[in-house]
């Protein structure tokens, strides 16, 4: 197995992020399919163990944000990495195009509503980051669709500067209250994305995954790369880092994400409750009652 060091994919704001230097593929972390499945099962069991400990401790939660371009593998990564975790300890929310109700509030409002409870892992499939990514590539969304005060949209550079600041403040606030945020950008190459989109067209059973708009968005590839580069540079912090995960190989991607989730959980000062000797003794008296029923 190759080097499993994940620090090389971590960005904490100490220097600007350069997307062209970030790899979309690395050497395999697994020897073959059987080895991959074994590693994934091992990670799943470990995530479940640490999540259960976090649940029992009931002081902390973890927010995992997944961002990517179309067909990068967000859904599959979430499915495979967390498949062995107790469903009661995981909350997944997939953000779609804002509703009318959501547009009547500030851009962070709908995300606050979906944050996890203490003891749980909250997974955002897309997130509030769409509001500094999609809207930056398509600024007409801000000027025409989002009902913002006219004065706010007069200077879009200032608007995005303020949004980056608001996001940093939100994640700092969450960290201080026991909810660290770890952010994943699944970095797929343009060539690999094309192959995956074509596969969705050629396989009738996968047609439901394909949206014609995905083809149109490929015309803005460079603009999205620039938007992600700026976004990661502006919002990566030591307490809320970004991990730019090579996504051309889905198996590698899932193993890297799983390893990072485990490492982030291990950083939390969580432990199982200390056994209560008196309560233990009292509970023993219930055993004969249960047996007699």
Protein backbone atom coordinates (compact mmCIF):
# COMPACT_ATOMS: atom_id res chain seq x y z
CA UNK A 1 0.00 0.00 0.00
CA UNK A 2 1.22 3.48 -0.84
CA UNK A 3 1.71 6.42 1.52
CA UNK A 4 -1.56 7.23 3.31
CA UNK A 5 -0.41 10.67 4.45
CA UNK A 6 -3.32 13.11 3.99
CA UNK A 7 -1.50 16.29 5.01
CA UNK A 8 -0.40 16.82 1.41
CA UNK A 9 -4.05 17.44 0.50
CA UNK A 10 -4.74 19.77 3.44
CA UNK A 11 -5.02 23.53 3.08
CA UNK A 12 -5.33 25.66 6.20
CA UNK A 13 -4.85 29.16 4.82
CA UNK A 14 -1.14 29.47 5.51
CA UNK A 15 -0.58 30.12 1.81
CA UNK A 16 -2.68 30.70 -1.33
CA UNK A 17 -4.16 27.59 -2.91
CA UNK A 18 -3.14 26.95 -6.54
CA UNK A 19 -5.60 24.62 -8.21
CA UNK A 20 -3.32 23.81 -11.16
CA UNK A 21 -0.79 22.33 -8.74
CA UNK A 22 -3.38 20.08 -7.08
CA UNK A 23 -3.38 16.54 -8.50
CA UNK A 24 -6.54 14.85 -9.72
CA UNK A 25 -4.94 11.40 -9.46
CA UNK A 26 -2.35 9.77 -7.20
CA UNK A 27 -0.79 6.33 -6.93
CA UNK A 28 -3.21 3.69 -5.74
CA UNK A 29 -3.58 3.29 -1.99
CA UNK A 30 -4.78 -0.29 -2.47
CA UNK A 31 -3.27 -3.39 -4.07
CA UNK A 32 -6.42 -4.75 -5.73
CA UNK A 33 -10.21 -4.65 -5.39
CA UNK A 34 -10.23 -7.08 -2.46
CA UNK A 35 -7.66 -4.99 -0.62
CA UNK A 36 -9.69 -1.83 -1.29
CA UNK A 37 -12.85 -3.44 0.09
CA UNK A 38 -10.99 -4.60 3.19
CA UNK A 39 -9.56 -1.13 3.81
CA UNK A 40 -12.98 0.46 3.34
CA UNK A 41 -14.61 -1.95 5.80
CA UNK A 42 -11.86 -1.25 8.31
CA UNK A 43 -12.37 2.49 7.97
CA UNK A 44 -16.15 2.17 8.24
CA UNK A 45 -15.84 0.26 11.49
CA UNK A 46 -13.45 2.85 12.89
CA UNK A 47 -15.71 5.77 11.91
CA UNK A 48 -18.63 4.01 13.57
CA UNK A 49 -16.61 3.44 16.75
CA UNK A 50 -15.56 7.08 17.03
CA UNK A 51 -18.99 8.40 16.15
CA UNK A 52 -20.52 6.22 18.86
CA UNK A 53 -17.99 7.59 21.33
CA UNK A 54 -18.85 11.14 20.26
CA UNK A 55 -22.56 10.34 20.65
CA UNK A 56 -22.05 8.97 24.17
CA UNK A 57 -19.90 11.95 25.17
CA UNK A 58 -22.56 14.29 23.75
CA UNK A 59 -20.46 17.46 23.76
CA UNK A 60 -19.20 17.62 20.18
CA UNK A 61 -20.38 17.20 16.62
CA UNK A 62 -18.61 17.18 13.27
CA UNK A 63 -19.63 18.97 10.07
CA UNK A 64 -18.33 17.44 6.82
CA UNK A 65 -18.82 19.57 3.71
CA UNK A 66 -18.55 18.02 0.24
CA UNK A 67 -18.10 20.27 -2.78
CA UNK A 68 -17.25 19.26 -6.34
CA UNK A 69 -18.07 19.74 -9.96
CA UNK A 70 -20.68 17.50 -11.57
CA UNK A 71 -19.83 13.76 -11.73
CA UNK A 72 -16.89 14.07 -9.33
CA UNK A 73 -18.40 11.46 -7.02
CA UNK A 74 -19.91 13.21 -4.01
CA UNK A 75 -22.90 10.88 -3.61
CA UNK A 76 -20.87 7.70 -4.00
CA UNK A 77 -18.17 8.89 -1.61
CA UNK A 78 -20.70 9.73 1.10
CA UNK A 79 -22.46 6.41 0.55
CA UNK A 80 -19.33 4.25 0.73
CA UNK A 81 -17.46 6.09 3.49
CA UNK A 82 -20.39 6.23 5.91
CA UNK A 83 -22.16 3.00 4.96
CA UNK A 84 -21.12 1.26 8.19
CA UNK A 85 -21.97 4.14 10.52
CA UNK A 86 -25.05 3.96 12.74
CA UNK A 87 -27.71 5.97 10.82
CA UNK A 88 -28.82 7.56 14.09
CA UNK A 89 -25.43 9.23 14.33
CA UNK A 90 -25.26 10.68 10.82
CA UNK A 91 -27.34 13.46 9.30
CA UNK A 92 -27.04 13.98 5.54
CA UNK A 93 -28.47 16.97 3.74
CA UNK A 94 -28.23 17.61 0.00
CA UNK A 95 -28.57 21.26 -0.97
CA UNK A 96 -30.41 21.99 -4.20
CA UNK A 97 -31.28 25.26 -5.91
CA UNK A 98 -32.61 27.67 -3.23
CA UNK A 99 -36.37 27.69 -2.75
CA UNK A 100 -38.48 30.84 -2.58
CA UNK A 101 -38.55 30.56 1.20
CA UNK A 102 -34.76 30.24 1.34
CA UNK A 103 -34.29 33.23 -0.96
CA UNK A 104 -36.31 35.30 1.50
CA UNK A 105 -33.47 34.85 4.03
CA UNK A 106 -29.73 35.46 4.10
CA UNK A 107 -27.50 33.04 2.19
CA UNK A 108 -26.44 31.11 5.31
CA UNK A 109 -29.92 30.64 6.77
CA UNK A 110 -30.75 27.32 5.18
CA UNK A 111 -27.42 25.86 6.27
CA UNK A 112 -27.91 26.83 9.92
CA UNK A 113 -31.20 24.91 9.90
CA UNK A 114 -29.51 21.66 8.82
CA UNK A 115 -26.55 21.61 11.20
CA UNK A 116 -26.15 18.38 13.20
CA UNK A 117 -26.99 17.86 16.83
CA UNK A 118 -24.26 17.16 19.35
CA UNK A 119 -22.92 13.65 19.05
CA UNK A 120 -23.62 13.42 15.34
CA UNK A 121 -21.79 13.83 12.06
CA UNK A 122 -23.54 16.32 9.79
CA UNK A 123 -22.82 15.82 6.09
CA UNK A 124 -23.51 18.59 3.60
CA UNK A 125 -23.72 17.39 0.00
CA UNK A 126 -23.02 20.81 -1.49
CA UNK A 127 -23.45 23.67 0.94
CA UNK A 128 -23.35 27.40 1.58
CA UNK A 129 -20.21 27.39 -0.58
CA UNK A 130 -22.44 27.30 -3.65
CA UNK A 131 -23.09 30.96 -2.87
CA UNK A 132 -19.46 31.88 -3.58
CA UNK A 133 -18.97 29.38 -6.40
CA UNK A 134 -21.99 29.11 -8.68
CA UNK A 135 -22.93 32.73 -8.05
CA UNK A 136 -19.41 33.87 -8.87
CA UNK A 137 -19.48 32.04 -12.19
CA UNK A 138 -23.03 33.24 -12.83
CA UNK A 139 -23.29 36.67 -11.15
CA UNK A 140 -26.68 37.25 -12.77
CA UNK A 141 -28.05 34.96 -10.06
CA UNK A 142 -27.14 37.62 -7.54
CA UNK A 143 -28.26 40.61 -9.55
CA UNK A 144 -31.49 39.15 -10.91
CA UNK A 145 -32.70 36.22 -8.80
CA UNK A 146 -31.68 36.56 -5.17
CA UNK A 147 -33.70 39.61 -4.14
CA UNK A 148 -30.68 41.29 -2.58
CA UNK A 149 -30.72 45.03 -1.88
CA UNK A 150 -29.66 46.92 -4.99
CA UNK A 151 -26.82 48.59 -3.11
CA UNK A 152 -25.33 45.20 -2.16
CA UNK A 153 -24.99 44.07 -5.78
CA UNK A 154 -23.42 47.30 -7.02
CA UNK A 155 -19.96 46.01 -6.05
CA UNK A 156 -19.77 42.23 -6.47
CA UNK A 157 -16.11 42.08 -5.42
CA UNK A 158 -17.09 43.54 -2.06
CA UNK A 159 -20.09 41.22 -1.85
CA UNK A 160 -17.90 38.12 -2.24
CA UNK A 161 -15.33 39.50 0.17
CA UNK A 162 -18.07 39.88 2.77
CA UNK A 163 -19.43 36.39 2.05
CA UNK A 164 -16.01 34.80 2.54
CA UNK A 165 -15.75 36.68 5.82
CA UNK A 166 -19.22 35.53 6.89
CA UNK A 167 -18.32 31.91 6.12
CA UNK A 168 -15.08 32.11 8.10
CA UNK A 169 -16.99 33.66 11.02
CA UNK A 170 -19.66 30.96 10.86
CA UNK A 171 -17.14 28.12 10.89
CA UNK A 172 -15.16 29.77 13.70
CA UNK A 173 -18.35 30.12 15.73
CA UNK A 174 -19.21 26.45 15.13
CA UNK A 175 -15.71 25.35 16.15
CA UNK A 176 -15.88 27.33 19.38
CA UNK A 177 -19.18 25.65 20.17
CA UNK A 178 -17.93 22.11 19.62
CA UNK A 179 -18.70 21.65 15.93
CA UNK A 180 -15.49 21.66 13.86
CA UNK A 181 -15.97 21.80 10.10
CA UNK A 182 -13.91 19.75 7.65
CA UNK A 183 -14.32 20.58 3.96
CA UNK A 184 -13.67 18.36 0.97
CA UNK A 185 -13.24 19.49 -2.61
CA UNK A 186 -13.30 16.40 -4.82
CA UNK A 187 -10.95 17.48 -7.58
CA UNK A 188 -11.75 15.75 -10.88
CA UNK A 189 -10.05 16.42 -14.21
CA UNK A 190 -12.00 17.73 -17.18
CA UNK A 191 -11.20 14.56 -19.15
CA UNK A 192 -12.44 12.25 -16.40
CA UNK A 193 -15.59 14.28 -15.94
CA UNK A 194 -16.30 13.96 -19.66
CA UNK A 195 -15.91 10.16 -19.47
CA UNK A 196 -18.31 9.94 -16.54
CA UNK A 197 -20.93 12.16 -18.16
CA UNK A 198 -20.78 10.09 -21.35
CA UNK A 199 -21.12 6.90 -19.29
CA UNK A 200 -24.32 8.27 -17.79
CA UNK A 201 -25.68 8.85 -21.29
CA UNK A 202 -24.64 5.48 -22.70
CA UNK A 203 -26.09 3.45 -19.78
CA UNK A 204 -29.89 3.70 -19.78
CA UNK A 205 -30.00 2.80 -16.09
CA UNK A 206 -27.80 5.81 -15.31
CA UNK A 207 -29.70 8.32 -17.45
CA UNK A 208 -31.50 9.58 -14.36
CA UNK A 209 -28.16 10.90 -13.07
CA UNK A 210 -27.60 12.99 -16.18
CA UNK A 211 -28.78 16.57 -16.53
CA UNK A 212 -28.46 18.44 -19.79
CA UNK A 213 -27.33 21.48 -17.82
CA UNK A 214 -24.15 19.64 -16.85
CA UNK A 215 -22.96 19.92 -20.46
CA UNK A 216 -23.66 23.64 -20.50
CA UNK A 217 -21.73 24.13 -17.27
CA UNK A 218 -18.63 22.53 -18.81
CA UNK A 219 -18.33 25.68 -20.92
CA UNK A 220 -17.49 27.49 -17.67
CA UNK A 221 -14.79 25.02 -16.58
CA UNK A 222 -12.02 27.61 -16.23
CA UNK A 223 -14.31 30.01 -14.39
CA UNK A 224 -15.20 27.30 -11.87
CA UNK A 225 -11.52 26.45 -11.38
CA UNK A 226 -10.81 30.10 -10.60
CA UNK A 227 -13.81 30.29 -8.27
CA UNK A 228 -12.69 27.22 -6.30
CA UNK A 229 -9.11 28.48 -6.12
CA UNK A 230 -10.22 31.80 -4.64
CA UNK A 231 -12.82 30.21 -2.36
CA UNK A 232 -10.38 27.73 -0.84
CA UNK A 233 -7.71 30.41 -0.39
CA UNK A 234 -10.19 32.74 1.34
CA UNK A 235 -11.92 30.21 3.61
CA UNK A 236 -9.26 27.66 4.56
CA UNK A 237 -8.25 28.00 8.20
CA UNK A 238 -6.36 25.84 10.67
CA UNK A 239 -9.56 25.00 12.55
CA UNK A 240 -11.69 24.56 9.39
CA UNK A 241 -9.34 23.24 6.72
CA UNK A 242 -10.02 22.26 3.12
CA UNK A 243 -8.90 18.91 1.77
CA UNK A 244 -8.49 18.87 -2.01
CA UNK A 245 -8.95 15.20 -2.81
CA UNK A 246 -7.82 13.70 -6.15
CA UNK A 247 -11.08 12.36 -7.62
CA UNK A 248 -10.12 10.67 -10.89
CA UNK A 249 -9.94 7.33 -9.06
CA UNK A 250 -13.04 6.84 -6.93
CA UNK A 251 -11.53 4.15 -4.72
CA UNK A 252 -8.55 6.31 -3.76
CA UNK A 253 -10.89 9.23 -3.17
CA UNK A 254 -13.09 7.28 -0.77
CA UNK A 255 -10.14 5.89 1.18
CA UNK A 256 -8.62 9.34 1.58
CA UNK A 257 -11.89 10.87 2.75
CA UNK A 258 -12.45 8.01 5.19
CA UNK A 259 -8.97 8.40 6.66
CA UNK A 260 -9.46 12.15 7.11
CA UNK A 261 -12.84 11.72 8.81
CA UNK A 262 -11.26 9.28 11.26
CA UNK A 263 -8.37 11.64 11.95
CA UNK A 264 -10.74 14.57 12.53
CA UNK A 265 -12.85 12.54 14.96
CA UNK A 266 -9.73 11.45 16.83
CA UNK A 267 -8.75 15.09 17.36
CA UNK A 268 -11.87 15.67 19.47
CA UNK A 269 -11.43 15.30 23.26
CA UNK A 270 -14.20 12.69 23.46
CA UNK A 271 -14.47 9.60 25.61
CA UNK A 272 -17.02 7.05 26.71
CA UNK A 273 -18.79 7.87 29.98
CA UNK A 274 -17.03 6.56 33.08
CA UNK A 275 -18.79 3.45 34.47
CA UNK A 276 -21.02 4.22 37.45
CA UNK A 277 -20.42 1.44 39.99
CA UNK A 278 -23.54 2.19 42.00
CA UNK A 279 -25.77 2.24 38.91
CA UNK A 280 -24.15 -0.99 37.70
CA UNK A 281 -25.02 -2.71 40.96
CA UNK A 282 -28.59 -1.43 40.85
CA UNK A 283 -29.04 -2.68 37.30
CA UNK A 284 -27.94 -6.18 38.27
CA UNK A 285 -31.09 -6.46 40.40
CA UNK A 286 -33.18 -6.17 37.23
CA UNK A 287 -31.74 -9.31 35.64
CA UNK A 288 -33.82 -11.84 37.66
CA UNK A 289 -36.93 -9.71 37.09
CA UNK A 290 -36.38 -9.77 33.33
CA UNK A 291 -35.76 -13.53 33.37
CA UNK A 292 -38.93 -14.14 35.37
CA UNK A 293 -41.18 -12.23 32.97
